[in-house]
Amino acid sequence: MGTETIQTQRLKLRKLRVEDSSQMYANWASDSKVTRYLSWPPHDTIETVKALLVEKQELYMDPNYFDWGIEVKQMQELIGTITVVKQHEKIQTFEIGYAIGKNWWGNGYVAEALRAVVFYLFQETKVNRIEAAHDINNENSGKVLQKAGFTYEGTFKKRGVNTSGIVDISIYSILRNDWENAKGIH
């Protein structure tokens, strides 16, 4: 199992390859506007991105590793990533993170990818809760989560850290039971 290709109307979610390094570097990984609210700074060189993608090839062998590149089908352009960044096995919870190049902001791509990943994880794993958090200053991330069916749970003061330092974060989640009820699945 693990990371398998997922198709949506406009997107192909797939494993990243070393050959993706130039698109990843140019489209989002080197951009300080994209990484502003992320836990990692912009990558300085394409070699740094290549090294990261080499590491990912081994991680993809793990059936509990979930990390997709977001590719726009029509352009065959890699525009971002969506990843299970943390797994809390005892409470059957996955935490999702995502990043997308600024040239593609506001087109609904992340919400579309997120809905597809939620469907995949609830169908293929035993996860009961999928959650995501964002810096309160990144309001657009909260809008993405709401569009994807997540529920706002609250804001935690000085609970997150990103390239800006220690920040307040808002938490969202979607529970298996709520998702199944909304989909009419029993």
N, C-alpha and C. Protein backbone atom coordinates (compact mmCIF):
# COMPACT_ATOMS: atom_id res chain seq x y z
N MET A 1 0.84 -1.18 0.00
CA MET A 1 0.00 0.00 0.00
C MET A 1 0.88 1.24 0.00
N GLY A 2 0.75 2.12 0.99
CA GLY A 2 1.56 3.34 1.03
C GLY A 2 1.11 4.32 -0.04
N THR A 3 2.05 5.03 -0.61
CA THR A 3 1.76 6.05 -1.61
C THR A 3 1.46 5.40 -2.95
N GLU A 4 0.21 5.47 -3.35
CA GLU A 4 -0.21 4.98 -4.66
C GLU A 4 -0.73 6.18 -5.46
N THR A 5 -0.69 6.07 -6.77
CA THR A 5 -1.17 7.14 -7.63
C THR A 5 -2.67 7.33 -7.45
N ILE A 6 -3.08 8.59 -7.33
CA ILE A 6 -4.49 8.97 -7.19
C ILE A 6 -4.81 9.94 -8.32
N GLN A 7 -5.90 9.70 -9.01
CA GLN A 7 -6.33 10.59 -10.09
C GLN A 7 -7.57 11.38 -9.63
N THR A 8 -7.59 12.66 -9.93
CA THR A 8 -8.80 13.46 -9.75
C THR A 8 -9.14 14.04 -11.13
N GLN A 9 -10.14 14.87 -11.17
CA GLN A 9 -10.53 15.45 -12.46
C GLN A 9 -9.37 16.20 -13.11
N ARG A 10 -8.66 17.02 -12.31
CA ARG A 10 -7.60 17.85 -12.89
C ARG A 10 -6.19 17.43 -12.50
N LEU A 11 -6.10 16.55 -11.49
CA LEU A 11 -4.79 16.28 -10.90
C LEU A 11 -4.40 14.82 -10.95
N LYS A 12 -3.09 14.62 -10.94
CA LYS A 12 -2.51 13.30 -10.73
C LYS A 12 -1.62 13.43 -9.50
N LEU A 13 -1.96 12.68 -8.45
CA LEU A 13 -1.15 12.66 -7.23
C LEU A 13 -0.28 11.42 -7.33
N ARG A 14 1.02 11.61 -7.26
CA ARG A 14 1.93 10.50 -7.51
C ARG A 14 3.20 10.62 -6.67
N LYS A 15 3.96 9.52 -6.65
CA LYS A 15 5.25 9.53 -5.98
C LYS A 15 6.17 10.52 -6.69
N LEU A 16 6.96 11.20 -5.89
CA LEU A 16 7.97 12.10 -6.46
C LEU A 16 9.15 11.28 -6.95
N ARG A 17 9.79 11.76 -8.01
CA ARG A 17 10.97 11.10 -8.58
C ARG A 17 12.14 12.08 -8.57
N VAL A 18 13.34 11.56 -8.62
CA VAL A 18 14.53 12.41 -8.65
C VAL A 18 14.47 13.35 -9.85
N GLU A 19 13.90 12.86 -10.95
CA GLU A 19 13.78 13.69 -12.17
C GLU A 19 12.87 14.90 -11.97
N ASP A 20 12.12 14.92 -10.87
CA ASP A 20 11.23 16.05 -10.57
C ASP A 20 11.96 17.22 -9.92
N SER A 21 13.23 17.06 -9.65
CA SER A 21 13.94 18.06 -8.85
C SER A 21 13.89 19.46 -9.46
N SER A 22 14.01 19.58 -10.77
CA SER A 22 14.01 20.93 -11.35
C SER A 22 12.64 21.59 -11.22
N GLN A 23 11.55 20.83 -11.45
CA GLN A 23 10.21 21.41 -11.28
C GLN A 23 9.94 21.74 -9.81
N MET A 24 10.32 20.83 -8.92
CA MET A 24 10.09 21.07 -7.50
C MET A 24 10.85 22.32 -7.04
N TYR A 25 12.10 22.44 -7.44
CA TYR A 25 12.91 23.59 -7.05
C TYR A 25 12.31 24.88 -7.61
N ALA A 26 11.99 24.89 -8.89
CA ALA A 26 11.51 26.11 -9.55
C ALA A 26 10.09 26.48 -9.13
N ASN A 27 9.22 25.49 -8.95
CA ASN A 27 7.80 25.77 -8.75
C ASN A 27 7.41 26.08 -7.31
N TRP A 28 8.16 25.58 -6.32
CA TRP A 28 7.78 25.90 -4.94
C TRP A 28 8.89 25.78 -3.91
N ALA A 29 9.79 24.84 -4.03
CA ALA A 29 10.73 24.56 -2.93
C ALA A 29 11.75 25.66 -2.69
N SER A 30 12.01 26.50 -3.68
CA SER A 30 12.99 27.59 -3.51
C SER A 30 12.35 28.94 -3.21
N ASP A 31 11.03 28.96 -3.10
CA ASP A 31 10.28 30.22 -2.99
C ASP A 31 9.96 30.55 -1.53
N SER A 32 10.50 31.66 -1.05
CA SER A 32 10.28 32.05 0.34
C SER A 32 8.81 32.42 0.62
N LYS A 33 8.06 32.81 -0.41
CA LYS A 33 6.63 33.08 -0.20
C LYS A 33 5.86 31.80 0.05
N VAL A 34 6.27 30.71 -0.59
CA VAL A 34 5.63 29.41 -0.39
C VAL A 34 6.00 28.84 0.98
N THR A 35 7.26 28.96 1.35
CA THR A 35 7.73 28.34 2.60
C THR A 35 7.52 29.22 3.83
N ARG A 36 6.95 30.37 3.64
CA ARG A 36 6.76 31.34 4.73
C ARG A 36 6.10 30.72 5.96
N TYR A 37 5.10 29.86 5.75
CA TYR A 37 4.37 29.27 6.86
C TYR A 37 4.71 27.79 7.07
N LEU A 38 5.77 27.33 6.43
CA LEU A 38 6.16 25.92 6.55
C LEU A 38 7.25 25.74 7.60
N SER A 39 7.53 24.49 7.93
CA SER A 39 8.54 24.20 8.95
C SER A 39 9.95 24.16 8.37
N TRP A 40 10.07 24.25 7.06
CA TRP A 40 11.40 24.23 6.42
C TRP A 40 11.59 25.48 5.56
N PRO A 41 12.83 25.97 5.53
CA PRO A 41 13.12 27.17 4.73
C PRO A 41 13.23 26.83 3.25
N PRO A 42 13.26 27.85 2.39
CA PRO A 42 13.43 27.58 0.96
C PRO A 42 14.74 26.83 0.72
N HIS A 43 14.73 25.94 -0.24
CA HIS A 43 15.94 25.21 -0.59
C HIS A 43 16.85 26.13 -1.41
N ASP A 44 18.13 26.15 -1.05
CA ASP A 44 19.09 27.05 -1.70
C ASP A 44 19.52 26.58 -3.08
N THR A 45 19.58 25.26 -3.27
CA THR A 45 20.09 24.73 -4.53
C THR A 45 19.23 23.57 -5.01
N ILE A 46 19.32 23.31 -6.30
CA ILE A 46 18.62 22.17 -6.86
C ILE A 46 19.22 20.86 -6.33
N GLU A 47 20.50 20.89 -5.97
CA GLU A 47 21.15 19.70 -5.41
C GLU A 47 20.52 19.30 -4.08
N THR A 48 20.10 20.28 -3.29
CA THR A 48 19.41 20.00 -2.03
C THR A 48 18.10 19.28 -2.31
N VAL A 49 17.38 19.73 -3.32
CA VAL A 49 16.11 19.09 -3.69
C VAL A 49 16.38 17.68 -4.19
N LYS A 50 17.40 17.50 -5.01
CA LYS A 50 17.74 16.16 -5.52
C LYS A 50 18.03 15.21 -4.37
N ALA A 51 18.81 15.67 -3.40
CA ALA A 51 19.15 14.82 -2.25
C ALA A 51 17.89 14.42 -1.48
N LEU A 52 16.98 15.34 -1.31
CA LEU A 52 15.71 15.05 -0.64
C LEU A 52 14.92 14.00 -1.41
N LEU A 53 14.88 14.14 -2.72
CA LEU A 53 14.12 13.20 -3.54
C LEU A 53 14.78 11.82 -3.58
N VAL A 54 16.09 11.77 -3.48
CA VAL A 54 16.78 10.48 -3.38
C VAL A 54 16.36 9.78 -2.08
N GLU A 55 16.30 10.53 -0.97
CA GLU A 55 15.86 9.97 0.31
C GLU A 55 14.42 9.45 0.21
N LYS A 56 13.58 10.19 -0.48
CA LYS A 56 12.17 9.80 -0.59
C LYS A 56 12.01 8.46 -1.30
N GLN A 57 12.89 8.15 -2.24
CA GLN A 57 12.76 6.90 -2.98
C GLN A 57 12.80 5.70 -2.03
N GLU A 58 13.64 5.78 -1.01
CA GLU A 58 13.70 4.71 -0.03
C GLU A 58 12.47 4.73 0.89
N LEU A 59 12.03 5.91 1.25
CA LEU A 59 10.84 6.03 2.11
C LEU A 59 9.60 5.46 1.44
N TYR A 60 9.53 5.58 0.12
CA TYR A 60 8.37 5.06 -0.61
C TYR A 60 8.24 3.54 -0.50
N MET A 61 9.30 2.85 -0.09
CA MET A 61 9.24 1.40 0.10
C MET A 61 8.41 1.03 1.34
N ASP A 62 8.25 1.98 2.25
CA ASP A 62 7.51 1.75 3.49
C ASP A 62 6.00 1.84 3.20
N PRO A 63 5.24 0.78 3.52
CA PRO A 63 3.80 0.80 3.25
C PRO A 63 3.03 1.78 4.13
N ASN A 64 3.69 2.40 5.09
CA ASN A 64 3.04 3.40 5.94
C ASN A 64 3.53 4.82 5.65
N TYR A 65 4.14 5.01 4.50
CA TYR A 65 4.63 6.33 4.09
C TYR A 65 3.69 6.87 3.01
N PHE A 66 3.17 8.07 3.25
CA PHE A 66 2.20 8.68 2.34
C PHE A 66 2.67 10.08 1.96
N ASP A 67 3.12 10.23 0.72
CA ASP A 67 3.68 11.50 0.26
C ASP A 67 3.48 11.58 -1.25
N TRP A 68 2.72 12.57 -1.68
CA TRP A 68 2.40 12.70 -3.11
C TRP A 68 2.89 14.02 -3.67
N GLY A 69 3.36 13.97 -4.90
CA GLY A 69 3.54 15.17 -5.70
C GLY A 69 2.20 15.49 -6.33
N ILE A 70 1.88 16.77 -6.43
CA ILE A 70 0.63 17.22 -7.05
C ILE A 70 0.97 17.69 -8.47
N GLU A 71 0.44 16.98 -9.45
CA GLU A 71 0.70 17.30 -10.85
C GLU A 71 -0.59 17.70 -11.54
N VAL A 72 -0.56 18.82 -12.26
CA VAL A 72 -1.71 19.23 -13.06
C VAL A 72 -1.66 18.41 -14.35
N LYS A 73 -2.69 17.59 -14.57
CA LYS A 73 -2.71 16.68 -15.72
C LYS A 73 -2.54 17.40 -17.05
N GLN A 74 -3.33 18.46 -17.24
CA GLN A 74 -3.35 19.14 -18.53
C GLN A 74 -1.96 19.66 -18.93
N MET A 75 -1.20 20.12 -17.96
CA MET A 75 0.12 20.69 -18.24
C MET A 75 1.25 19.70 -17.96
N GLN A 76 0.94 18.60 -17.29
CA GLN A 76 1.95 17.66 -16.80
C GLN A 76 3.03 18.42 -16.00
N GLU A 77 2.53 19.33 -15.17
CA GLU A 77 3.40 20.19 -14.37
C GLU A 77 3.24 19.84 -12.90
N LEU A 78 4.35 19.61 -12.23
CA LEU A 78 4.35 19.33 -10.81
C LEU A 78 4.30 20.67 -10.07
N ILE A 79 3.27 20.85 -9.22
CA ILE A 79 3.04 22.17 -8.62
C ILE A 79 3.14 22.18 -7.09
N GLY A 80 3.26 21.00 -6.46
CA GLY A 80 3.33 20.99 -5.01
C GLY A 80 3.34 19.57 -4.46
N THR A 81 3.15 19.48 -3.15
CA THR A 81 3.13 18.18 -2.48
C THR A 81 2.02 18.16 -1.43
N ILE A 82 1.60 16.94 -1.10
CA ILE A 82 0.67 16.71 0.00
C ILE A 82 1.15 15.44 0.69
N THR A 83 1.27 15.52 2.02
CA THR A 83 1.98 14.49 2.77
C THR A 83 1.34 14.21 4.12
N VAL A 84 1.37 12.95 4.54
CA VAL A 84 1.07 12.63 5.93
C VAL A 84 2.37 12.92 6.68
N VAL A 85 2.38 14.03 7.41
CA VAL A 85 3.62 14.48 8.06
C VAL A 85 3.84 13.85 9.43
N LYS A 86 2.76 13.39 10.06
CA LYS A 86 2.87 12.70 11.35
C LYS A 86 1.80 11.63 11.43
N GLN A 87 2.17 10.52 12.09
CA GLN A 87 1.21 9.45 12.33
C GLN A 87 1.21 9.16 13.82
N HIS A 88 0.02 9.16 14.40
CA HIS A 88 -0.14 8.84 15.81
C HIS A 88 -0.91 7.52 15.87
N GLU A 89 -0.15 6.42 15.87
CA GLU A 89 -0.74 5.09 15.71
C GLU A 89 -1.73 4.73 16.81
N LYS A 90 -1.40 5.05 18.06
CA LYS A 90 -2.26 4.65 19.18
C LYS A 90 -3.65 5.29 19.10
N ILE A 91 -3.73 6.47 18.55
CA ILE A 91 -5.03 7.14 18.45
C ILE A 91 -5.54 7.18 17.01
N GLN A 92 -4.91 6.42 16.13
CA GLN A 92 -5.32 6.28 14.73
C GLN A 92 -5.53 7.64 14.07
N THR A 93 -4.51 8.50 14.18
CA THR A 93 -4.59 9.86 13.65
C THR A 93 -3.42 10.13 12.72
N PHE A 94 -3.72 10.74 11.58
CA PHE A 94 -2.71 11.21 10.64
C PHE A 94 -2.80 12.73 10.58
N GLU A 95 -1.65 13.37 10.51
CA GLU A 95 -1.60 14.82 10.30
C GLU A 95 -1.12 15.08 8.88
N ILE A 96 -1.85 15.93 8.17
CA ILE A 96 -1.56 16.24 6.77
C ILE A 96 -0.88 17.60 6.66
N GLY A 97 0.06 17.68 5.73
CA GLY A 97 0.68 18.95 5.38
C GLY A 97 0.73 19.08 3.86
N TYR A 98 0.79 20.30 3.37
CA TYR A 98 0.82 20.50 1.93
C TYR A 98 1.52 21.81 1.60
N ALA A 99 2.02 21.87 0.38
CA ALA A 99 2.64 23.09 -0.14
C ALA A 99 2.37 23.13 -1.64
N ILE A 100 2.12 24.33 -2.14
CA ILE A 100 1.85 24.49 -3.57
C ILE A 100 2.49 25.79 -4.04
N GLY A 101 3.01 25.76 -5.25
CA GLY A 101 3.64 26.95 -5.82
C GLY A 101 2.67 28.11 -5.95
N LYS A 102 3.17 29.32 -5.74
CA LYS A 102 2.29 30.50 -5.71
C LYS A 102 1.60 30.76 -7.05
N ASN A 103 2.18 30.28 -8.15
CA ASN A 103 1.54 30.47 -9.46
C ASN A 103 0.21 29.73 -9.56
N TRP A 104 -0.04 28.79 -8.63
CA TRP A 104 -1.24 27.98 -8.69
C TRP A 104 -2.17 28.24 -7.51
N TRP A 105 -1.86 29.23 -6.68
CA TRP A 105 -2.72 29.58 -5.56
C TRP A 105 -4.08 30.04 -6.09
N GLY A 106 -5.12 29.74 -5.33
CA GLY A 106 -6.45 30.24 -5.64
C GLY A 106 -7.20 29.49 -6.73
N ASN A 107 -6.70 28.34 -7.16
CA ASN A 107 -7.35 27.56 -8.21
C ASN A 107 -8.07 26.32 -7.70
N GLY A 108 -8.05 26.11 -6.38
CA GLY A 108 -8.73 24.95 -5.81
C GLY A 108 -7.96 23.64 -5.91
N TYR A 109 -6.72 23.69 -6.34
CA TYR A 109 -5.94 22.46 -6.52
C TYR A 109 -5.67 21.75 -5.19
N VAL A 110 -5.33 22.48 -4.15
CA VAL A 110 -5.00 21.83 -2.88
C VAL A 110 -6.25 21.20 -2.26
N ALA A 111 -7.37 21.88 -2.30
CA ALA A 111 -8.61 21.30 -1.76
C ALA A 111 -8.98 20.03 -2.53
N GLU A 112 -8.81 20.05 -3.84
CA GLU A 112 -9.09 18.88 -4.67
C GLU A 112 -8.16 17.73 -4.30
N ALA A 113 -6.88 18.02 -4.15
CA ALA A 113 -5.91 16.99 -3.76
C ALA A 113 -6.20 16.47 -2.36
N LEU A 114 -6.55 17.36 -1.46
CA LEU A 114 -6.82 16.98 -0.08
C LEU A 114 -8.05 16.08 0.02
N ARG A 115 -9.10 16.39 -0.69
CA ARG A 115 -10.29 15.53 -0.70
C ARG A 115 -9.93 14.13 -1.20
N ALA A 116 -9.11 14.06 -2.24
CA ALA A 116 -8.71 12.76 -2.80
C ALA A 116 -7.85 11.97 -1.82
N VAL A 117 -6.95 12.64 -1.14
CA VAL A 117 -6.08 11.97 -0.16
C VAL A 117 -6.90 11.48 1.04
N VAL A 118 -7.84 12.30 1.50
CA VAL A 118 -8.72 11.88 2.61
C VAL A 118 -9.49 10.63 2.20
N PHE A 119 -10.05 10.63 1.01
CA PHE A 119 -10.78 9.46 0.51
C PHE A 119 -9.87 8.23 0.52
N TYR A 120 -8.69 8.39 -0.04
CA TYR A 120 -7.73 7.29 -0.11
C TYR A 120 -7.38 6.76 1.28
N LEU A 121 -7.06 7.65 2.20
CA LEU A 121 -6.64 7.22 3.54
C LEU A 121 -7.77 6.54 4.30
N PHE A 122 -8.99 7.05 4.19
CA PHE A 122 -10.11 6.40 4.87
C PHE A 122 -10.45 5.06 4.21
N GLN A 123 -10.26 4.94 2.91
CA GLN A 123 -10.56 3.68 2.21
C GLN A 123 -9.46 2.63 2.43
N GLU A 124 -8.21 3.06 2.50
CA GLU A 124 -7.09 2.11 2.45
C GLU A 124 -6.37 1.89 3.78
N THR A 125 -6.67 2.69 4.80
CA THR A 125 -6.00 2.54 6.09
C THR A 125 -7.06 2.46 7.19
N LYS A 126 -6.59 2.25 8.40
CA LYS A 126 -7.50 2.18 9.55
C LYS A 126 -7.56 3.51 10.31
N VAL A 127 -7.04 4.57 9.71
CA VAL A 127 -7.04 5.87 10.36
C VAL A 127 -8.47 6.27 10.73
N ASN A 128 -8.61 6.87 11.90
CA ASN A 128 -9.92 7.33 12.36
C ASN A 128 -10.05 8.85 12.30
N ARG A 129 -8.91 9.55 12.34
CA ARG A 129 -8.92 11.01 12.38
C ARG A 129 -7.80 11.51 11.48
N ILE A 130 -8.13 12.49 10.65
CA ILE A 130 -7.12 13.17 9.84
C ILE A 130 -7.18 14.63 10.24
N GLU A 131 -6.04 15.18 10.57
CA GLU A 131 -6.01 16.56 11.04
C GLU A 131 -4.96 17.37 10.29
N ALA A 132 -5.09 18.67 10.39
CA ALA A 132 -4.13 19.59 9.81
C ALA A 132 -4.12 20.85 10.66
N ALA A 133 -2.99 21.51 10.67
CA ALA A 133 -2.84 22.77 11.43
C ALA A 133 -2.20 23.81 10.51
N HIS A 134 -2.52 25.05 10.77
CA HIS A 134 -1.87 26.12 10.01
C HIS A 134 -1.63 27.33 10.91
N ASP A 135 -0.60 28.08 10.57
CA ASP A 135 -0.31 29.35 11.20
C ASP A 135 -1.56 30.23 11.05
N ILE A 136 -1.98 30.87 12.13
CA ILE A 136 -3.20 31.68 12.05
C ILE A 136 -3.10 32.81 11.03
N ASN A 137 -1.87 33.20 10.69
CA ASN A 137 -1.70 34.25 9.69
C ASN A 137 -1.90 33.74 8.27
N ASN A 138 -1.96 32.44 8.10
CA ASN A 138 -2.16 31.84 6.79
C ASN A 138 -3.64 31.43 6.65
N GLU A 139 -4.49 32.42 6.56
CA GLU A 139 -5.94 32.19 6.52
C GLU A 139 -6.37 31.36 5.33
N ASN A 140 -5.66 31.47 4.22
CA ASN A 140 -6.04 30.71 3.03
C ASN A 140 -5.93 29.21 3.25
N SER A 141 -5.00 28.79 4.09
CA SER A 141 -4.89 27.37 4.40
C SER A 141 -6.14 26.87 5.14
N GLY A 142 -6.66 27.68 6.01
CA GLY A 142 -7.91 27.34 6.70
C GLY A 142 -9.07 27.22 5.73
N LYS A 143 -9.12 28.09 4.72
CA LYS A 143 -10.17 28.02 3.71
C LYS A 143 -10.07 26.73 2.91
N VAL A 144 -8.84 26.32 2.60
CA VAL A 144 -8.62 25.06 1.87
C VAL A 144 -9.16 23.90 2.69
N LEU A 145 -8.84 23.88 3.97
CA LEU A 145 -9.29 22.77 4.83
C LEU A 145 -10.82 22.72 4.92
N GLN A 146 -11.45 23.87 5.04
CA GLN A 146 -12.91 23.90 5.10
C GLN A 146 -13.52 23.41 3.78
N LYS A 147 -12.94 23.82 2.65
CA LYS A 147 -13.44 23.37 1.34
C LYS A 147 -13.33 21.86 1.20
N ALA A 148 -12.33 21.28 1.87
CA ALA A 148 -12.10 19.83 1.78
C ALA A 148 -12.91 19.05 2.81
N GLY A 149 -13.74 19.75 3.60
CA GLY A 149 -14.63 19.07 4.53
C GLY A 149 -14.11 18.95 5.95
N PHE A 150 -13.02 19.60 6.26
CA PHE A 150 -12.48 19.58 7.61
C PHE A 150 -13.24 20.56 8.49
N THR A 151 -13.26 20.27 9.80
CA THR A 151 -13.94 21.10 10.77
C THR A 151 -12.91 21.82 11.64
N TYR A 152 -13.10 23.12 11.81
CA TYR A 152 -12.24 23.91 12.69
C TYR A 152 -12.47 23.47 14.13
N GLU A 153 -11.39 23.20 14.86
CA GLU A 153 -11.50 22.76 16.25
C GLU A 153 -11.05 23.80 17.26
N GLY A 154 -10.14 24.66 16.86
CA GLY A 154 -9.68 25.66 17.79
C GLY A 154 -8.31 26.21 17.43
N THR A 155 -7.90 27.22 18.20
CA THR A 155 -6.61 27.85 18.00
C THR A 155 -5.78 27.66 19.26
N PHE A 156 -4.53 27.26 19.07
CA PHE A 156 -3.61 27.06 20.17
C PHE A 156 -2.53 28.12 20.12
N LYS A 157 -2.38 28.81 21.22
CA LYS A 157 -1.39 29.89 21.32
C LYS A 157 0.02 29.31 21.42
N LYS A 158 0.91 29.85 20.59
CA LYS A 158 2.34 29.51 20.61
C LYS A 158 2.55 27.99 20.59
N ARG A 159 1.79 27.28 19.75
CA ARG A 159 1.83 25.81 19.70
C ARG A 159 2.57 25.29 18.47
N GLY A 160 2.83 26.15 17.49
CA GLY A 160 3.49 25.70 16.27
C GLY A 160 4.80 26.42 16.04
N VAL A 161 5.58 25.86 15.15
CA VAL A 161 6.83 26.50 14.76
C VAL A 161 6.96 26.40 13.24
N ASN A 162 7.40 27.50 12.64
CA ASN A 162 7.65 27.51 11.21
C ASN A 162 8.80 28.46 10.93
N THR A 163 8.99 28.83 9.69
CA THR A 163 10.12 29.68 9.35
C THR A 163 10.02 31.07 9.98
N SER A 164 8.87 31.43 10.51
CA SER A 164 8.70 32.71 11.21
C SER A 164 9.03 32.62 12.69
N GLY A 165 9.18 31.39 13.21
CA GLY A 165 9.43 31.19 14.64
C GLY A 165 8.27 30.45 15.29
N ILE A 166 8.04 30.72 16.56
CA ILE A 166 6.94 30.09 17.30
C ILE A 166 5.67 30.88 17.02
N VAL A 167 4.60 30.16 16.64
CA VAL A 167 3.39 30.83 16.17
C VAL A 167 2.13 30.19 16.77
N ASP A 168 1.03 30.94 16.70
CA ASP A 168 -0.28 30.40 17.05
C ASP A 168 -0.77 29.59 15.86
N ILE A 169 -1.44 28.47 16.14
CA ILE A 169 -1.94 27.63 15.06
C ILE A 169 -3.42 27.32 15.23
N SER A 170 -4.09 27.14 14.12
CA SER A 170 -5.47 26.68 14.11
C SER A 170 -5.48 25.22 13.69
N ILE A 171 -6.31 24.42 14.37
CA ILE A 171 -6.39 22.98 14.13
C ILE A 171 -7.74 22.65 13.48
N TYR A 172 -7.69 21.79 12.48
CA TYR A 172 -8.86 21.29 11.78
C TYR A 172 -8.78 19.76 11.73
N SER A 173 -9.95 19.11 11.64
CA SER A 173 -9.92 17.65 11.51
C SER A 173 -11.13 17.16 10.73
N ILE A 174 -11.02 15.91 10.33
CA ILE A 174 -12.14 15.20 9.75
C ILE A 174 -12.08 13.78 10.32
N LEU A 175 -13.22 13.32 10.85
CA LEU A 175 -13.29 12.00 11.48
C LEU A 175 -13.90 11.00 10.50
N ARG A 176 -13.44 9.76 10.60
CA ARG A 176 -13.94 8.71 9.71
C ARG A 176 -15.48 8.64 9.73
N ASN A 177 -16.06 8.62 10.92
CA ASN A 177 -17.51 8.48 11.03
C ASN A 177 -18.24 9.64 10.34
N ASP A 178 -17.76 10.86 10.54
CA ASP A 178 -18.38 12.02 9.90
C ASP A 178 -18.23 11.94 8.38
N TRP A 179 -17.05 11.52 7.93
CA TRP A 179 -16.79 11.40 6.49
C TRP A 179 -17.69 10.33 5.88
N GLU A 180 -17.81 9.18 6.56
CA GLU A 180 -18.66 8.10 6.05
C GLU A 180 -20.13 8.54 5.99
N ASN A 181 -20.59 9.25 7.02
CA ASN A 181 -21.98 9.73 7.04
C ASN A 181 -22.24 10.72 5.91
N ALA A 182 -21.26 11.61 5.67
CA ALA A 182 -21.41 12.58 4.59
C ALA A 182 -21.43 11.91 3.22
N LYS A 183 -20.69 10.83 3.09
CA LYS A 183 -20.60 10.11 1.81
C LYS A 183 -21.70 9.05 1.67
N GLY A 184 -22.42 8.78 2.75
CA GLY A 184 -23.45 7.74 2.72
C GLY A 184 -22.85 6.34 2.76
N ILE A 185 -21.66 6.22 3.32
CA ILE A 185 -20.95 4.93 3.42
C ILE A 185 -21.26 4.30 4.77
N HIS A 186 -21.59 3.02 4.78
CA HIS A 186 -21.85 2.33 6.06
C HIS A 186 -21.11 1.04 6.13
